[in-house]
Amino acid sequence: MIRIDAVWLAVDPIDMRSGADRLLASVVQVFGAAQANHGYLFTNTRANRIKLLMHDGFGVWCAARRLNIGGFVWPREGSTGTAPMTLTREQFDALVLGLPWQRLEALKQITRM
């Protein structure tokens, strides 16, 4: 299978009609290069669709996911500044399921009844 060492989150929404070439151009523009075994996540304005662009060292893979009800939990534009945002594997797994990935640590403890 494909190995992903790091996942980077694009905070600004992108046109979901974009294919692998346009997404790759966006990655190169922001990061300077697409790193091998790194994934780059994009969403649309409504945050009900995501695309993952993955560079495996030989080429790029592009995967898409859509939620029919609700949306993906996505940071708002400007909330993280201009720095790219990276996700842990646990956060990535939660995000693609539509779960509140930003609050994973707080959800591990029950503090009120």
N, C-alpha and C. Protein backbone atom coordinates (compact mmCIF):
# COMPACT_ATOMS: atom_id res chain seq x y z
N MET A 1 0.83 -1.19 0.00
CA MET A 1 0.00 0.00 0.00
C MET A 1 0.87 1.25 0.00
N ILE A 2 0.22 2.36 -0.03
CA ILE A 2 0.91 3.65 -0.07
C ILE A 2 1.29 4.06 1.35
N ARG A 3 2.53 4.46 1.53
CA ARG A 3 3.01 4.93 2.83
C ARG A 3 2.86 6.44 2.89
N ILE A 4 2.25 6.93 3.97
CA ILE A 4 2.11 8.37 4.18
C ILE A 4 2.79 8.72 5.50
N ASP A 5 3.88 9.48 5.41
CA ASP A 5 4.63 9.88 6.60
C ASP A 5 4.11 11.16 7.22
N ALA A 6 3.53 12.03 6.42
CA ALA A 6 3.01 13.31 6.92
C ALA A 6 1.81 13.71 6.07
N VAL A 7 0.83 14.34 6.72
CA VAL A 7 -0.35 14.86 6.01
C VAL A 7 -0.43 16.35 6.29
N TRP A 8 -0.52 17.12 5.23
CA TRP A 8 -0.61 18.58 5.32
C TRP A 8 -2.01 19.01 4.93
N LEU A 9 -2.56 19.96 5.66
CA LEU A 9 -3.92 20.43 5.46
C LEU A 9 -3.91 21.80 4.79
N ALA A 10 -4.58 21.92 3.67
CA ALA A 10 -4.75 23.21 3.00
C ALA A 10 -5.98 23.87 3.60
N VAL A 11 -5.81 24.97 4.29
CA VAL A 11 -6.91 25.62 4.98
C VAL A 11 -7.85 26.32 4.00
N ASP A 12 -7.30 26.96 2.99
CA ASP A 12 -8.13 27.67 2.01
C ASP A 12 -8.85 26.66 1.10
N PRO A 13 -10.14 26.87 0.84
CA PRO A 13 -10.88 25.94 -0.03
C PRO A 13 -10.37 26.01 -1.47
N ILE A 14 -10.60 24.91 -2.19
CA ILE A 14 -10.16 24.81 -3.58
C ILE A 14 -11.32 24.28 -4.43
N ASP A 15 -11.30 24.57 -5.70
CA ASP A 15 -12.31 24.09 -6.63
C ASP A 15 -12.16 22.57 -6.77
N MET A 16 -13.19 21.82 -6.44
CA MET A 16 -13.12 20.36 -6.47
C MET A 16 -13.07 19.78 -7.89
N ARG A 17 -13.23 20.62 -8.89
CA ARG A 17 -13.03 20.16 -10.27
C ARG A 17 -11.54 20.02 -10.59
N SER A 18 -10.70 20.52 -9.69
CA SER A 18 -9.25 20.43 -9.87
C SER A 18 -8.80 18.98 -9.88
N GLY A 19 -7.96 18.67 -10.83
CA GLY A 19 -7.40 17.33 -10.90
C GLY A 19 -6.04 17.29 -10.24
N ALA A 20 -5.36 16.18 -10.42
CA ALA A 20 -4.06 15.98 -9.77
C ALA A 20 -3.04 17.04 -10.20
N ASP A 21 -3.05 17.43 -11.46
CA ASP A 21 -2.07 18.42 -11.93
C ASP A 21 -2.27 19.78 -11.29
N ARG A 22 -3.50 20.23 -11.20
CA ARG A 22 -3.77 21.53 -10.60
C ARG A 22 -3.49 21.50 -9.08
N LEU A 23 -3.84 20.40 -8.42
CA LEU A 23 -3.55 20.27 -6.99
C LEU A 23 -2.04 20.24 -6.76
N LEU A 24 -1.32 19.53 -7.61
CA LEU A 24 0.13 19.48 -7.50
C LEU A 24 0.74 20.86 -7.69
N ALA A 25 0.22 21.62 -8.63
CA ALA A 25 0.71 22.99 -8.84
C ALA A 25 0.48 23.84 -7.60
N SER A 26 -0.65 23.65 -6.94
CA SER A 26 -0.94 24.38 -5.70
C SER A 26 0.03 23.99 -4.60
N VAL A 27 0.33 22.70 -4.48
CA VAL A 27 1.29 22.23 -3.48
C VAL A 27 2.67 22.82 -3.74
N VAL A 28 3.12 22.79 -4.98
CA VAL A 28 4.43 23.34 -5.33
C VAL A 28 4.48 24.83 -5.07
N GLN A 29 3.38 25.54 -5.33
CA GLN A 29 3.33 26.98 -5.09
C GLN A 29 3.45 27.29 -3.60
N VAL A 30 2.77 26.53 -2.76
CA VAL A 30 2.77 26.79 -1.32
C VAL A 30 4.03 26.26 -0.64
N PHE A 31 4.44 25.03 -0.95
CA PHE A 31 5.54 24.36 -0.25
C PHE A 31 6.87 24.41 -0.98
N GLY A 32 6.86 24.74 -2.27
CA GLY A 32 8.10 24.74 -3.04
C GLY A 32 8.33 23.41 -3.74
N ALA A 33 7.80 22.32 -3.19
CA ALA A 33 7.94 20.98 -3.78
C ALA A 33 6.97 20.04 -3.07
N ALA A 34 6.59 19.00 -3.77
CA ALA A 34 5.78 17.94 -3.15
C ALA A 34 6.76 16.88 -2.66
N GLN A 35 6.79 16.64 -1.37
CA GLN A 35 7.72 15.68 -0.77
C GLN A 35 7.22 14.25 -0.93
N ALA A 36 8.13 13.32 -1.12
CA ALA A 36 7.77 11.91 -1.23
C ALA A 36 7.16 11.42 0.08
N ASN A 37 6.14 10.61 -0.03
CA ASN A 37 5.42 10.02 1.11
C ASN A 37 4.71 11.06 1.98
N HIS A 38 4.37 12.19 1.39
CA HIS A 38 3.58 13.21 2.07
C HIS A 38 2.23 13.31 1.36
N GLY A 39 1.17 13.53 2.14
CA GLY A 39 -0.16 13.73 1.60
C GLY A 39 -0.59 15.17 1.81
N TYR A 40 -1.39 15.68 0.91
CA TYR A 40 -1.87 17.06 0.97
C TYR A 40 -3.38 17.03 0.83
N LEU A 41 -4.09 17.53 1.85
CA LEU A 41 -5.56 17.49 1.89
C LEU A 41 -6.16 18.83 1.50
N PHE A 42 -7.20 18.78 0.66
CA PHE A 42 -7.91 19.97 0.20
C PHE A 42 -9.40 19.77 0.42
N THR A 43 -10.14 20.86 0.57
CA THR A 43 -11.59 20.79 0.68
C THR A 43 -12.22 21.86 -0.21
N ASN A 44 -13.54 21.72 -0.40
CA ASN A 44 -14.30 22.75 -1.11
C ASN A 44 -14.84 23.76 -0.11
N THR A 45 -15.55 24.77 -0.58
CA THR A 45 -16.06 25.84 0.27
C THR A 45 -17.04 25.31 1.32
N ARG A 46 -17.90 24.37 0.95
CA ARG A 46 -18.89 23.82 1.90
C ARG A 46 -18.32 22.76 2.81
N ALA A 47 -17.07 22.34 2.59
CA ALA A 47 -16.37 21.32 3.38
C ALA A 47 -17.13 20.00 3.43
N ASN A 48 -17.83 19.67 2.33
CA ASN A 48 -18.48 18.36 2.27
C ASN A 48 -17.75 17.40 1.32
N ARG A 49 -16.65 17.88 0.73
CA ARG A 49 -15.82 17.06 -0.14
C ARG A 49 -14.36 17.33 0.20
N ILE A 50 -13.55 16.29 0.13
CA ILE A 50 -12.11 16.46 0.31
C ILE A 50 -11.39 15.70 -0.80
N LYS A 51 -10.18 16.16 -1.09
CA LYS A 51 -9.28 15.46 -2.00
C LYS A 51 -7.93 15.34 -1.31
N LEU A 52 -7.33 14.18 -1.46
CA LEU A 52 -5.99 13.92 -0.93
C LEU A 52 -5.06 13.71 -2.12
N LEU A 53 -4.03 14.51 -2.19
CA LEU A 53 -2.99 14.35 -3.20
C LEU A 53 -1.79 13.75 -2.48
N MET A 54 -1.29 12.62 -2.98
CA MET A 54 -0.20 11.90 -2.32
C MET A 54 0.92 11.66 -3.32
N HIS A 55 2.14 12.01 -2.92
CA HIS A 55 3.31 11.75 -3.75
C HIS A 55 4.01 10.52 -3.18
N ASP A 56 4.13 9.45 -3.96
CA ASP A 56 4.71 8.20 -3.46
C ASP A 56 6.19 8.04 -3.81
N GLY A 57 6.80 9.06 -4.38
CA GLY A 57 8.20 8.99 -4.78
C GLY A 57 8.37 8.71 -6.26
N PHE A 58 7.32 8.21 -6.91
CA PHE A 58 7.37 7.91 -8.35
C PHE A 58 6.35 8.73 -9.13
N GLY A 59 5.25 9.06 -8.50
CA GLY A 59 4.18 9.80 -9.14
C GLY A 59 3.21 10.29 -8.07
N VAL A 60 2.06 10.76 -8.51
CA VAL A 60 1.08 11.27 -7.56
C VAL A 60 -0.22 10.47 -7.65
N TRP A 61 -0.88 10.36 -6.52
CA TRP A 61 -2.18 9.72 -6.39
C TRP A 61 -3.16 10.80 -5.95
N CYS A 62 -4.37 10.72 -6.43
CA CYS A 62 -5.40 11.66 -6.02
C CYS A 62 -6.64 10.86 -5.63
N ALA A 63 -7.08 11.04 -4.40
CA ALA A 63 -8.26 10.34 -3.90
C ALA A 63 -9.28 11.39 -3.45
N ALA A 64 -10.55 11.07 -3.60
CA ALA A 64 -11.62 12.00 -3.23
C ALA A 64 -12.60 11.31 -2.29
N ARG A 65 -13.22 12.11 -1.42
CA ARG A 65 -14.26 11.59 -0.52
C ARG A 65 -15.33 12.67 -0.38
N ARG A 66 -16.58 12.22 -0.34
CA ARG A 66 -17.71 13.15 -0.20
C ARG A 66 -18.61 12.65 0.91
N LEU A 67 -19.08 13.60 1.73
CA LEU A 67 -20.09 13.28 2.74
C LEU A 67 -21.44 13.70 2.19
N ASN A 68 -22.41 12.80 2.19
CA ASN A 68 -23.74 13.12 1.69
C ASN A 68 -24.52 13.96 2.69
N ILE A 69 -24.23 13.78 3.97
CA ILE A 69 -24.89 14.55 5.03
C ILE A 69 -23.81 15.16 5.91
N GLY A 70 -23.94 16.45 6.23
CA GLY A 70 -22.97 17.12 7.08
C GLY A 70 -21.73 17.53 6.31
N GLY A 71 -20.67 17.77 7.06
CA GLY A 71 -19.43 18.21 6.43
C GLY A 71 -18.23 17.81 7.25
N PHE A 72 -17.07 17.97 6.65
CA PHE A 72 -15.82 17.69 7.35
C PHE A 72 -15.50 18.85 8.28
N VAL A 73 -14.92 18.56 9.43
CA VAL A 73 -14.52 19.60 10.37
C VAL A 73 -13.23 20.19 9.83
N TRP A 74 -13.29 21.46 9.43
CA TRP A 74 -12.16 22.11 8.77
C TRP A 74 -11.88 23.43 9.44
N PRO A 75 -10.61 23.79 9.64
CA PRO A 75 -10.33 25.11 10.23
C PRO A 75 -10.77 26.22 9.29
N ARG A 76 -11.17 27.32 9.87
CA ARG A 76 -11.60 28.46 9.07
C ARG A 76 -10.39 29.18 8.49
N GLU A 77 -10.61 29.83 7.34
CA GLU A 77 -9.54 30.60 6.72
C GLU A 77 -9.04 31.65 7.70
N GLY A 78 -7.72 31.78 7.81
CA GLY A 78 -7.13 32.78 8.69
C GLY A 78 -6.98 32.32 10.13
N SER A 79 -7.60 31.20 10.52
CA SER A 79 -7.53 30.76 11.91
C SER A 79 -6.17 30.17 12.27
N THR A 80 -5.41 29.72 11.29
CA THR A 80 -4.10 29.14 11.55
C THR A 80 -2.98 30.03 11.03
N GLY A 81 -3.29 31.25 10.65
CA GLY A 81 -2.28 32.12 10.07
C GLY A 81 -1.95 31.65 8.66
N THR A 82 -0.70 31.88 8.25
CA THR A 82 -0.31 31.47 6.91
C THR A 82 0.52 30.19 6.92
N ALA A 83 0.87 29.69 8.11
CA ALA A 83 1.69 28.47 8.20
C ALA A 83 0.87 27.25 7.81
N PRO A 84 1.46 26.34 7.03
CA PRO A 84 0.77 25.09 6.70
C PRO A 84 0.49 24.29 7.96
N MET A 85 -0.55 23.52 7.95
CA MET A 85 -0.95 22.76 9.11
C MET A 85 -0.75 21.28 8.85
N THR A 86 -0.15 20.58 9.79
CA THR A 86 0.08 19.14 9.64
C THR A 86 -0.83 18.38 10.60
N LEU A 87 -1.18 17.17 10.22
CA LEU A 87 -2.07 16.34 11.02
C LEU A 87 -1.36 15.07 11.45
N THR A 88 -1.70 14.57 12.63
CA THR A 88 -1.22 13.26 13.04
C THR A 88 -2.06 12.21 12.33
N ARG A 89 -1.63 10.96 12.40
CA ARG A 89 -2.40 9.88 11.78
C ARG A 89 -3.78 9.77 12.40
N GLU A 90 -3.85 9.90 13.73
CA GLU A 90 -5.13 9.83 14.44
C GLU A 90 -6.07 10.96 14.01
N GLN A 91 -5.53 12.17 13.86
CA GLN A 91 -6.33 13.31 13.40
C GLN A 91 -6.82 13.09 11.97
N PHE A 92 -5.94 12.59 11.10
CA PHE A 92 -6.32 12.32 9.71
C PHE A 92 -7.44 11.30 9.65
N ASP A 93 -7.31 10.21 10.40
CA ASP A 93 -8.34 9.17 10.42
C ASP A 93 -9.69 9.74 10.86
N ALA A 94 -9.68 10.59 11.90
CA ALA A 94 -10.91 11.21 12.38
C ALA A 94 -11.49 12.18 11.36
N LEU A 95 -10.63 12.98 10.73
CA LEU A 95 -11.10 13.98 9.76
C LEU A 95 -11.83 13.31 8.59
N VAL A 96 -11.25 12.25 8.02
CA VAL A 96 -11.88 11.64 6.85
C VAL A 96 -13.19 10.94 7.19
N LEU A 97 -13.42 10.68 8.48
CA LEU A 97 -14.71 10.12 8.90
C LEU A 97 -15.72 11.21 9.24
N GLY A 98 -15.27 12.48 9.24
CA GLY A 98 -16.16 13.58 9.58
C GLY A 98 -16.26 13.83 11.07
N LEU A 99 -15.32 13.33 11.85
CA LEU A 99 -15.33 13.49 13.31
C LEU A 99 -14.56 14.74 13.72
N PRO A 100 -14.78 15.24 14.94
CA PRO A 100 -14.10 16.46 15.41
C PRO A 100 -12.63 16.19 15.74
N TRP A 101 -11.79 16.11 14.76
CA TRP A 101 -10.38 15.75 14.91
C TRP A 101 -9.58 16.74 15.74
N GLN A 102 -10.02 18.00 15.80
CA GLN A 102 -9.29 19.02 16.54
C GLN A 102 -9.45 18.86 18.05
N ARG A 103 -10.42 18.05 18.48
CA ARG A 103 -10.68 17.88 19.92
C ARG A 103 -10.41 16.46 20.39
N LEU A 104 -9.58 15.71 19.71
CA LEU A 104 -9.35 14.31 20.05
C LEU A 104 -8.83 14.13 21.48
N GLU A 105 -7.88 14.95 21.88
CA GLU A 105 -7.33 14.82 23.24
C GLU A 105 -8.38 15.09 24.30
N ALA A 106 -9.20 16.11 24.09
CA ALA A 106 -10.25 16.44 25.06
C ALA A 106 -11.31 15.35 25.12
N LEU A 107 -11.55 14.66 24.03
CA LEU A 107 -12.57 13.62 23.99
C LEU A 107 -12.11 12.33 24.68
N LYS A 108 -10.82 12.20 24.96
CA LYS A 108 -10.31 11.00 25.61
C LYS A 108 -10.60 10.97 27.11
N GLN A 109 -11.02 12.09 27.66
CA GLN A 109 -11.30 12.17 29.08
C GLN A 109 -12.73 12.63 29.32
N ILE A 110 -13.37 12.04 30.32
CA ILE A 110 -14.69 12.51 30.74
C ILE A 110 -14.47 13.32 32.01
N THR A 111 -14.81 14.60 31.94
CA THR A 111 -14.55 15.48 33.09
C THR A 111 -15.84 15.97 33.76
N ARG A 112 -16.99 15.76 33.14
CA ARG A 112 -18.26 16.19 33.73
C ARG A 112 -19.29 15.09 33.56
N MET A 113 -20.25 15.09 34.49
CA MET A 113 -21.35 14.13 34.41
C MET A 113 -22.65 14.86 34.43
